[in-house]
C-alpha atoms as a PDB file:
ATOM      1  CA  MET A   1     -69.407  14.834  11.581  1.00  0.00           C
ATOM      2  CA  ASP A   2     -70.240  11.546  13.297  1.00  0.00           C
ATOM      3  CA  THR A   3     -69.252   9.507  10.227  1.00  0.00           C
ATOM      4  CA  VAL A   4     -65.853  11.201  10.045  1.00  0.00           C
ATOM      5  CA  ILE A   5     -65.273  10.748  13.777  1.00  0.00           C
ATOM      6  CA  ASP A   6     -66.273   7.084  13.668  1.00  0.00           C
ATOM      7  CA  SER A   7     -63.920   6.470  10.736  1.00  0.00           C
ATOM      8  CA  PHE A   8     -61.099   8.338  12.490  1.00  0.00           C
ATOM      9  CA  VAL A   9     -61.461   6.169  15.593  1.00  0.00           C
ATOM     10  CA  LYS A  10     -61.688   2.893  13.699  1.00  0.00           C
ATOM     11  CA  ARG A  11     -58.730   3.577  11.415  1.00  0.00           C
ATOM     12  CA  SER A  12     -56.596   4.986  14.241  1.00  0.00           C
ATOM     13  CA  GLN A  13     -57.033   1.660  16.029  1.00  0.00           C
ATOM     14  CA  GLU A  14     -56.010  -0.227  12.908  1.00  0.00           C
ATOM     15  CA  ILE A  15     -52.885   1.887  12.316  1.00  0.00           C
ATOM     16  CA  LEU A  16     -51.647   2.408  15.884  1.00  0.00           C
ATOM     17  CA  LYS A  17     -52.678  -0.988  17.261  1.00  0.00           C
ATOM     18  CA  ASP A  18     -51.417  -1.664  20.807  1.00  0.00           C
ATOM     19  CA  ASN A  19     -49.595   1.676  20.956  1.00  0.00           C
ATOM     20  CA  LEU A  20     -52.905   3.553  21.094  1.00  0.00           C
ATOM     21  CA  VAL A  21     -53.917   4.730  24.581  1.00  0.00           C
ATOM     22  CA  GLY A  22     -56.996   6.717  23.657  1.00  0.00           C
ATOM     23  CA  ILE A  23     -58.694   9.259  21.388  1.00  0.00           C
ATOM     24  CA  TYR A  24     -60.309  12.381  22.847  1.00  0.00           C
ATOM     25  CA  LEU A  25     -62.642  14.985  21.385  1.00  0.00           C
ATOM     26  CA  HIS A  26     -62.528  18.627  22.500  1.00  0.00           C
ATOM     27  CA  GLY A  27     -63.518  22.037  21.129  1.00  0.00           C
ATOM     28  CA  SER A  28     -66.905  23.106  19.782  1.00  0.00           C
ATOM     29  CA  ALA A  29     -68.040  19.536  19.116  1.00  0.00           C
ATOM     30  CA  VAL A  30     -68.225  18.859  22.872  1.00  0.00           C
ATOM     31  CA  MET A  31     -69.230  22.358  23.947  1.00  0.00           C
ATOM     32  CA  GLY A  32     -72.588  22.621  22.201  1.00  0.00           C
ATOM     33  CA  CYS A  33     -71.658  25.123  19.501  1.00  0.00           C
ATOM     34  CA  TYR A  34     -70.407  23.056  16.561  1.00  0.00           C
ATOM     35  CA  ASN A  35     -71.046  24.715  13.188  1.00  0.00           C
ATOM     36  CA  PRO A  36     -69.858  22.816  10.085  1.00  0.00           C
ATOM     37  CA  ASP A  37     -69.238  26.125   8.291  1.00  0.00           C
ATOM     38  CA  LYS A  38     -67.159  27.694  11.094  1.00  0.00           C
ATOM     39  CA  SER A  39     -65.837  24.853  13.272  1.00  0.00           C
ATOM     40  CA  ASP A  40     -63.160  22.237  12.919  1.00  0.00           C
ATOM     41  CA  LEU A  41     -63.005  18.803  14.520  1.00  0.00           C
ATOM     42  CA  ASP A  42     -60.576  18.938  17.422  1.00  0.00           C
ATOM     43  CA  LEU A  43     -58.941  15.630  18.367  1.00  0.00           C
ATOM     44  CA  ILE A  44     -56.134  14.509  20.636  1.00  0.00           C
ATOM     45  CA  VAL A  45     -54.626  11.058  20.144  1.00  0.00           C
ATOM     46  CA  VAL A  46     -52.555   9.614  22.987  1.00  0.00           C
ATOM     47  CA  VAL A  47     -49.956   6.881  22.448  1.00  0.00           C
ATOM     48  CA  ASN A  48     -47.583   5.026  24.739  1.00  0.00           C
ATOM     49  CA  ASP A  49     -44.438   5.112  22.608  1.00  0.00           C
ATOM     50  CA  PRO A  50     -42.962   7.190  19.759  1.00  0.00           C
ATOM     51  CA  MET A  51     -44.254   6.300  16.314  1.00  0.00           C
ATOM     52  CA  THR A  52     -42.089   5.125  13.437  1.00  0.00           C
ATOM     53  CA  GLU A  53     -42.009   7.272  10.323  1.00  0.00           C
ATOM     54  CA  ALA A  54     -43.842   4.544   8.408  1.00  0.00           C
ATOM     55  CA  VAL A  55     -46.691   4.590  10.924  1.00  0.00           C
ATOM     56  CA  LYS A  56     -46.780   8.392  10.793  1.00  0.00           C
ATOM     57  CA  ARG A  57     -47.123   8.253   7.007  1.00  0.00           C
ATOM     58  CA  SER A  58     -50.015   5.808   7.221  1.00  0.00           C
ATOM     59  CA  PHE A  59     -51.687   7.911   9.868  1.00  0.00           C
ATOM     60  CA  MET A  60     -51.282  11.147   7.921  1.00  0.00           C
ATOM     61  CA  ASP A  61     -52.650   9.560   4.743  1.00  0.00           C
ATOM     62  CA  MET A  62     -55.734   8.579   6.734  1.00  0.00           C
ATOM     63  CA  VAL A  63     -56.179  12.002   8.336  1.00  0.00           C
ATOM     64  CA  VAL A  64     -55.853  13.888   5.053  1.00  0.00           C
ATOM     65  CA  GLU A  65     -58.347  11.567   3.378  1.00  0.00           C
ATOM     66  CA  LEU A  66     -60.902  12.094   6.168  1.00  0.00           C
ATOM     67  CA  ASN A  67     -60.170  15.814   6.271  1.00  0.00           C
ATOM     68  CA  SER A  68     -61.652  16.145   2.781  1.00  0.00           C
ATOM     69  CA  LYS A  69     -64.903  14.660   4.100  1.00  0.00           C
ATOM     70  CA  GLY A  70     -65.089  16.737   7.261  1.00  0.00           C
ATOM     71  CA  PRO A  71     -66.294  20.274   8.027  1.00  0.00           C
ATOM     72  CA  SER A  72     -65.062  23.232   5.984  1.00  0.00           C
ATOM     73  CA  LYS A  73     -62.310  24.023   8.512  1.00  0.00           C
ATOM     74  CA  GLY A  74     -61.305  20.366   8.533  1.00  0.00           C
ATOM     75  CA  ILE A  75     -59.656  18.261  11.200  1.00  0.00           C
ATOM     76  CA  GLU A  76     -57.172  19.570  13.736  1.00  0.00           C
ATOM     77  CA  MET A  77     -55.397  16.858  15.662  1.00  0.00           C
ATOM     78  CA  SER A  78     -52.273  16.229  17.669  1.00  0.00           C
ATOM     79  CA  ILE A  79     -50.681  12.980  18.766  1.00  0.00           C
ATOM     80  CA  VAL A  80     -48.950  13.046  22.154  1.00  0.00           C
ATOM     81  CA  LYS A  81     -47.345  10.489  24.427  1.00  0.00           C
ATOM     82  CA  LYS A  82     -49.122   9.571  27.644  1.00  0.00           C
ATOM     83  CA  SER A  83     -45.965  10.457  29.581  1.00  0.00           C
ATOM     84  CA  VAL A  84     -46.520  14.178  28.837  1.00  0.00           C
ATOM     85  CA  CYS A  85     -50.213  14.084  29.770  1.00  0.00           C
ATOM     86  CA  LYS A  86     -49.884  12.673  33.267  1.00  0.00           C
ATOM     87  CA  PRO A  87     -47.884  14.220  34.850  1.00  0.00           C
ATOM     88  CA  PHE A  88     -48.516  17.220  32.618  1.00  0.00           C
ATOM     89  CA  VAL A  89     -45.501  18.692  30.798  1.00  0.00           C
ATOM     90  CA  TYR A  90     -45.455  22.322  29.631  1.00  0.00           C
ATOM     91  CA  PRO A  91     -44.765  23.432  26.953  1.00  0.00           C
ATOM     92  CA  THR A  92     -46.205  20.124  25.815  1.00  0.00           C
ATOM     93  CA  PRO A  93     -44.224  17.932  23.398  1.00  0.00           C
ATOM     94  CA  PHE A  94     -46.139  16.368  20.506  1.00  0.00           C
ATOM     95  CA  GLU A  95     -45.332  13.514  18.149  1.00  0.00           C
ATOM     96  CA  LEU A  96     -47.393  14.609  15.141  1.00  0.00           C
ATOM     97  CA  HIS A  97     -49.822  17.408  14.301  1.00  0.00           C
ATOM     98  CA  PHE A  98     -52.214  18.207  11.474  1.00  0.00           C
ATOM     99  CA  SER A  99     -54.455  21.098  10.521  1.00  0.00           C
ATOM    100  CA  VAL A 100     -55.613  22.439   7.165  1.00  0.00           C
ATOM    101  CA  ALA A 101     -52.958  25.165   7.467  1.00  0.00           C
ATOM    102  CA  HIS A 102     -50.311  22.507   6.822  1.00  0.00           C
ATOM    103  CA  ILE A 103     -51.979  20.519   4.063  1.00  0.00           C
ATOM    104  CA  ASP A 104     -49.921  22.075   1.230  1.00  0.00           C
ATOM    105  CA  TRP A 105     -46.698  21.194   3.039  1.00  0.00           C
ATOM    106  CA  TYR A 106     -47.925  17.621   3.446  1.00  0.00           C
ATOM    107  CA  ARG A 107     -48.839  17.315  -0.219  1.00  0.00           C
ATOM    108  CA  LYS A 108     -45.605  18.844  -1.514  1.00  0.00           C
ATOM    109  CA  ASP A 109     -43.141  16.938   0.673  1.00  0.00           C
ATOM    110  CA  LEU A 110     -44.569  14.222   2.913  1.00  0.00           C
ATOM    111  CA  ASP A 111     -41.143  12.996   4.052  1.00  0.00           C
ATOM    112  CA  ASN A 112     -40.148  16.498   5.161  1.00  0.00           C
ATOM    113  CA  TYR A 113     -43.490  16.940   6.926  1.00  0.00           C
ATOM    114  CA  ILE A 114     -43.163  13.660   8.791  1.00  0.00           C
ATOM    115  CA  SER A 115     -39.601  14.342   9.916  1.00  0.00           C
ATOM    116  CA  LYS A 116     -40.197  17.929  11.049  1.00  0.00           C
ATOM    117  CA  MET A 117     -43.786  18.008  12.331  1.00  0.00           C
ATOM    118  CA  LYS A 118     -42.932  17.402  15.967  1.00  0.00           C
ATOM    119  CA  GLY A 119     -41.857  19.596  18.835  1.00  0.00           C
ATOM    120  CA  GLU A 120     -43.648  21.565  21.571  1.00  0.00           C
ATOM    121  CA  ASP A 121     -46.996  23.339  21.472  1.00  0.00           C
ATOM    122  CA  LYS A 122     -48.248  25.722  24.166  1.00  0.00           C
ATOM    123  CA  ASP A 123     -51.786  25.422  22.766  1.00  0.00           C
ATOM    124  CA  LEU A 124     -51.988  21.860  24.077  1.00  0.00           C
ATOM    125  CA  ALA A 125     -52.368  23.186  27.634  1.00  0.00           C
ATOM    126  CA  ALA A 126     -55.622  24.849  26.551  1.00  0.00           C
ATOM    127  CA  HIS A 127     -56.761  21.748  24.648  1.00  0.00           C
ATOM    128  CA  PHE A 128     -56.056  19.464  27.611  1.00  0.00           C
ATOM    129  CA  THR A 129     -57.951  21.819  29.922  1.00  0.00           C
ATOM    130  CA  ILE A 130     -61.017  21.577  27.687  1.00  0.00           C
ATOM    131  CA  ILE A 131     -60.658  17.792  27.666  1.00  0.00           C
ATOM    132  CA  THR A 132     -60.467  17.507  31.463  1.00  0.00           C
ATOM    133  CA  HIS A 133     -63.375  19.902  31.975  1.00  0.00           C
ATOM    134  CA  ARG A 134     -65.701  19.082  29.097  1.00  0.00           C
ATOM    135  CA  GLY A 135     -64.071  16.624  26.691  1.00  0.00           C
ATOM    136  CA  LYS A 136     -65.228  13.239  25.478  1.00  0.00           C
ATOM    137  CA  CYS A 137     -63.300   9.971  25.354  1.00  0.00           C
ATOM    138  CA  LEU A 138     -64.014   8.388  21.970  1.00  0.00           C
ATOM    139  CA  TYR A 139     -61.885   5.315  22.561  1.00  0.00           C
ATOM    140  CA  GLY A 140     -59.539   3.842  25.131  1.00  0.00           C
ATOM    141  CA  ALA A 141     -58.471   4.914  28.603  1.00  0.00           C
ATOM    142  CA  SER A 142     -60.676   7.377  30.474  1.00  0.00           C
ATOM    143  CA  ILE A 143     -59.888  11.085  30.589  1.00  0.00           C
ATOM    144  CA  LYS A 144     -59.235  10.848  34.316  1.00  0.00           C
ATOM    145  CA  ASP A 145     -56.727   8.035  33.841  1.00  0.00           C
ATOM    146  CA  THR A 146     -54.946   9.722  30.931  1.00  0.00           C
ATOM    147  CA  PHE A 147     -54.774  13.435  31.727  1.00  0.00           C
ATOM    148  CA  ALA A 148     -53.612  15.294  34.818  1.00  0.00           C
ATOM    149  CA  ASP A 149     -55.143  18.670  35.598  1.00  0.00           C
ATOM    150  CA  VAL A 150     -53.293  21.459  33.811  1.00  0.00           C
ATOM    151  CA  PRO A 151     -51.790  23.864  36.377  1.00  0.00           C
ATOM    152  CA  THR A 152     -53.559  27.226  36.359  1.00  0.00           C
ATOM    153  CA  GLN A 153     -50.432  29.169  35.452  1.00  0.00           C
ATOM    154  CA  ASP A 154     -49.722  26.932  32.449  1.00  0.00           C
ATOM    155  CA  TYR A 155     -53.286  27.331  31.204  1.00  0.00           C
ATOM    156  CA  ILE A 156     -53.137  31.111  31.612  1.00  0.00           C
ATOM    157  CA  ASP A 157     -49.845  31.259  29.711  1.00  0.00           C
ATOM    158  CA  SER A 158     -51.363  29.138  26.944  1.00  0.00           C
ATOM    159  CA  ILE A 159     -54.504  31.232  26.473  1.00  0.00           C
ATOM    160  CA  TRP A 160     -52.589  34.516  26.824  1.00  0.00           C
ATOM    161  CA  ASN A 161     -50.260  33.353  24.054  1.00  0.00           C
ATOM    162  CA  ASP A 162     -53.321  33.086  21.802  1.00  0.00           C
ATOM    163  CA  ILE A 163     -54.625  36.638  22.327  1.00  0.00           C
ATOM    164  CA  ALA A 164     -51.559  38.711  23.276  1.00  0.00           C
ATOM    165  CA  ASP A 165     -51.390  40.361  19.829  1.00  0.00           C
ATOM    166  CA  ALA A 166     -55.147  40.759  19.412  1.00  0.00           C
ATOM    167  CA  GLU A 167     -55.005  44.499  18.721  1.00  0.00           C
ATOM    168  CA  GLU A 168     -53.104  43.850  15.496  1.00  0.00           C
ATOM    169  CA  GLU A 169     -54.558  40.461  14.573  1.00  0.00           C
ATOM    170  CA  ILE A 170     -58.238  41.296  15.083  1.00  0.00           C
ATOM    171  CA  ILE A 171     -58.329  42.964  11.662  1.00  0.00           C
ATOM    172  CA  ASP A 172     -57.561  39.632   9.957  1.00  0.00           C
ATOM    173  CA  ASN A 173     -59.685  37.389  12.179  1.00  0.00           C
ATOM    174  CA  PRO A 174     -62.325  39.482  13.965  1.00  0.00           C
ATOM    175  CA  MET A 175     -64.919  36.849  14.858  1.00  0.00           C
ATOM    176  CA  TYR A 176     -62.400  34.486  16.414  1.00  0.00           C
ATOM    177  CA  LEU A 177     -60.639  37.140  18.470  1.00  0.00           C
ATOM    178  CA  ILE A 178     -63.779  38.976  19.607  1.00  0.00           C
ATOM    179  CA  LEU A 179     -65.121  35.756  21.115  1.00  0.00           C
ATOM    180  CA  ASN A 180     -61.791  34.350  22.255  1.00  0.00           C
ATOM    181  CA  LEU A 181     -60.914  37.519  24.157  1.00  0.00           C
ATOM    182  CA  ALA A 182     -64.245  37.175  25.920  1.00  0.00           C
ATOM    183  CA  ARG A 183     -63.672  33.626  27.063  1.00  0.00           C
ATOM    184  CA  VAL A 184     -60.114  34.358  28.218  1.00  0.00           C
ATOM    185  CA  HIS A 185     -61.471  37.250  30.269  1.00  0.00           C
ATOM    186  CA  ALA A 186     -64.212  34.990  31.667  1.00  0.00           C
ATOM    187  CA  TYR A 187     -61.651  32.446  32.831  1.00  0.00           C
ATOM    188  CA  LEU A 188     -59.399  34.994  34.501  1.00  0.00           C
ATOM    189  CA  LYS A 189     -62.245  36.874  36.144  1.00  0.00           C
ATOM    190  CA  ASP A 190     -64.636  34.055  37.068  1.00  0.00           C
ATOM    191  CA  GLY A 191     -62.679  30.796  36.561  1.00  0.00           C
ATOM    192  CA  LEU A 192     -64.972  29.664  33.727  1.00  0.00           C
ATOM    193  CA  VAL A 193     -63.858  27.354  30.894  1.00  0.00           C
ATOM    194  CA  LEU A 194     -66.191  28.427  28.087  1.00  0.00           C
ATOM    195  CA  SER A 195     -66.804  27.896  24.395  1.00  0.00           C
ATOM    196  CA  LYS A 196     -66.648  30.849  22.019  1.00  0.00           C
ATOM    197  CA  LYS A 197     -70.454  31.085  22.067  1.00  0.00           C
ATOM    198  CA  GLU A 198     -70.542  30.992  25.859  1.00  0.00           C
ATOM    199  CA  GLY A 199     -67.724  33.527  25.985  1.00  0.00           C
ATOM    200  CA  GLY A 200     -69.806  35.909  23.888  1.00  0.00           C
ATOM    201  CA  GLU A 201     -72.813  35.420  26.153  1.00  0.00           C
ATOM    202  CA  TRP A 202     -70.639  36.110  29.197  1.00  0.00           C
ATOM    203  CA  ALA A 203     -69.238  39.262  27.600  1.00  0.00           C
ATOM    204  CA  LEU A 204     -72.711  40.663  26.933  1.00  0.00           C
ATOM    205  CA  LYS A 205     -73.210  40.641  30.691  1.00  0.00           C
ATOM    206  CA  ASN A 206     -69.721  41.692  31.785  1.00  0.00           C
ATOM    207  CA  VAL A 207     -68.142  44.171  29.341  1.00  0.00           C
ATOM    208  CA  PRO A 208     -69.242  47.745  28.574  1.00  0.00           C
ATOM    209  CA  GLU A 209     -72.407  48.130  26.520  1.00  0.00           C
ATOM    210  CA  ARG A 210     -70.399  50.057  23.932  1.00  0.00           C
ATOM    211  CA  TYR A 211     -69.059  46.729  22.624  1.00  0.00           C
ATOM    212  CA  HIS A 212     -72.280  44.694  22.761  1.00  0.00           C
ATOM    213  CA  SER A 213     -73.205  45.183  19.092  1.00  0.00           C
ATOM    214  CA  LEU A 214     -69.725  44.035  18.058  1.00  0.00           C
ATOM    215  CA  ILE A 215     -69.930  40.952  20.284  1.00  0.00           C
ATOM    216  CA  GLN A 216     -73.414  40.128  19.013  1.00  0.00           C
ATOM    217  CA  GLU A 217     -72.228  40.383  15.401  1.00  0.00           C
ATOM    218  CA  ALA A 218     -69.409  37.930  16.147  1.00  0.00           C
ATOM    219  CA  MET A 219     -71.866  35.558  17.806  1.00  0.00           C
ATOM    220  CA  ASN A 220     -74.189  35.804  14.793  1.00  0.00           C
ATOM    221  CA  GLU A 221     -71.350  35.030  12.385  1.00  0.00           C
ATOM    222  CA  TYR A 222     -70.231  32.099  14.527  1.00  0.00           C
ATOM    223  CA  ALA A 223     -73.790  30.728  14.704  1.00  0.00           C
ATOM    224  CA  ASP A 224     -74.871  30.931  11.068  1.00  0.00           C
ATOM    225  CA  GLY A 225     -71.654  31.344   9.080  1.00  0.00           C
ATOM    226  CA  ALA A 226     -72.774  34.559   7.392  1.00  0.00           C
ATOM    227  CA  GLY A 227     -70.077  37.103   6.685  1.00  0.00           C
ATOM    228  CA  ILE A 228     -70.188  40.283   8.780  1.00  0.00           C
ATOM    229  CA  SER A 229     -68.863  43.743   7.934  1.00  0.00           C
ATOM    230  CA  TYR A 230     -67.330  44.728  11.259  1.00  0.00           C
ATOM    231  CA  ASN A 231     -66.574  48.242  12.459  1.00  0.00           C
ATOM    232  CA  MET A 232     -62.826  47.710  12.576  1.00  0.00           C
ATOM    233  CA  ASN A 233     -62.114  50.833  14.576  1.00  0.00           C
ATOM    234  CA  LEU A 234     -64.474  49.585  17.270  1.00  0.00           C
ATOM    235  CA  ALA A 235     -62.998  46.080  17.006  1.00  0.00           C
ATOM    236  CA  LYS A 236     -59.473  47.396  17.603  1.00  0.00           C
ATOM    237  CA  GLU A 237     -60.710  49.494  20.497  1.00  0.00           C
ATOM    238  CA  TYR A 238     -62.451  46.440  21.966  1.00  0.00           C
ATOM    239  CA  ALA A 239     -59.282  44.373  21.621  1.00  0.00           C
ATOM    240  CA  GLY A 240     -57.270  47.042  23.399  1.00  0.00           C
ATOM    241  CA  TYR A 241     -59.826  47.250  26.186  1.00  0.00           C
ATOM    242  CA  MET A 242     -60.000  43.474  26.671  1.00  0.00           C
ATOM    243  CA  VAL A 243     -56.236  42.953  26.553  1.00  0.00           C
ATOM    244  CA  GLY A 244     -55.870  45.705  29.143  1.00  0.00           C
ATOM    245  CA  GLU A 245     -58.468  44.101  31.414  1.00  0.00           C
ATOM    246  CA  ILE A 246     -56.848  40.674  31.025  1.00  0.00           C
ATOM    247  CA  GLU A 247     -53.357  42.045  31.747  1.00  0.00           C
ATOM    248  CA  GLY A 248     -54.689  43.817  34.803  1.00  0.00           C
ATOM    249  CA  ILE A 249     -56.090  40.601  36.258  1.00  0.00           C
ATOM    250  CA  MET A 250     -52.896  38.696  35.450  1.00  0.00           C
ATOM    251  CA  LYS A 251     -50.841  41.239  37.415  1.00  0.00           C
ATOM    252  CA  GLU A 252     -52.998  40.975  40.541  1.00  0.00           C
END
């Protein structure tokens, strides 16, 4: 992980030059629960000015090359302008984004990818919140100088957007949603910004015992990467319970 991060920082400096404000690490790598079999590398790159298409191509070539050397879930990164970080803009505009979900698009039609991979992303409110609470500056301007605090309502909207359809989606991605529902609930109930692992630990103390075995299985899968055969009926019931609890707090 460190080798990939070091290369990302060095080559970002070479490509972006004076336009680069800073590079910031968030996600599991800064929250004490990084697992190369289950985690990705989460990075935010901040620039002063829009990037030319030629610079975007060079940057994407670099990211895709390093992605092949990174963890199994790869690199997830967004490039944003400083002007949307402080003061914070929501939904947050981005200049360029990459994750392994888009790698086929990149490989098939780079020009199309470069021209269309920009817009707004509600998830950035959650990423910026992690950065301001627990992130790490890898290069450049400090977190405090680069990012404003994300307003509570924007953060809530961002994390709700991620779990609103959990009752249907938990079948396809049980580990992620079991733990993510827990950390969303922890934030709304206790104001805690937690990792997935910490969210699971919180849930074992704060949700009905009926769901503890399910939560523990998700934590075990997240920790060691082993596949788990979940009780899907219980998982759907858990998702319904947690969404209901979360909605109830949001309406207060």
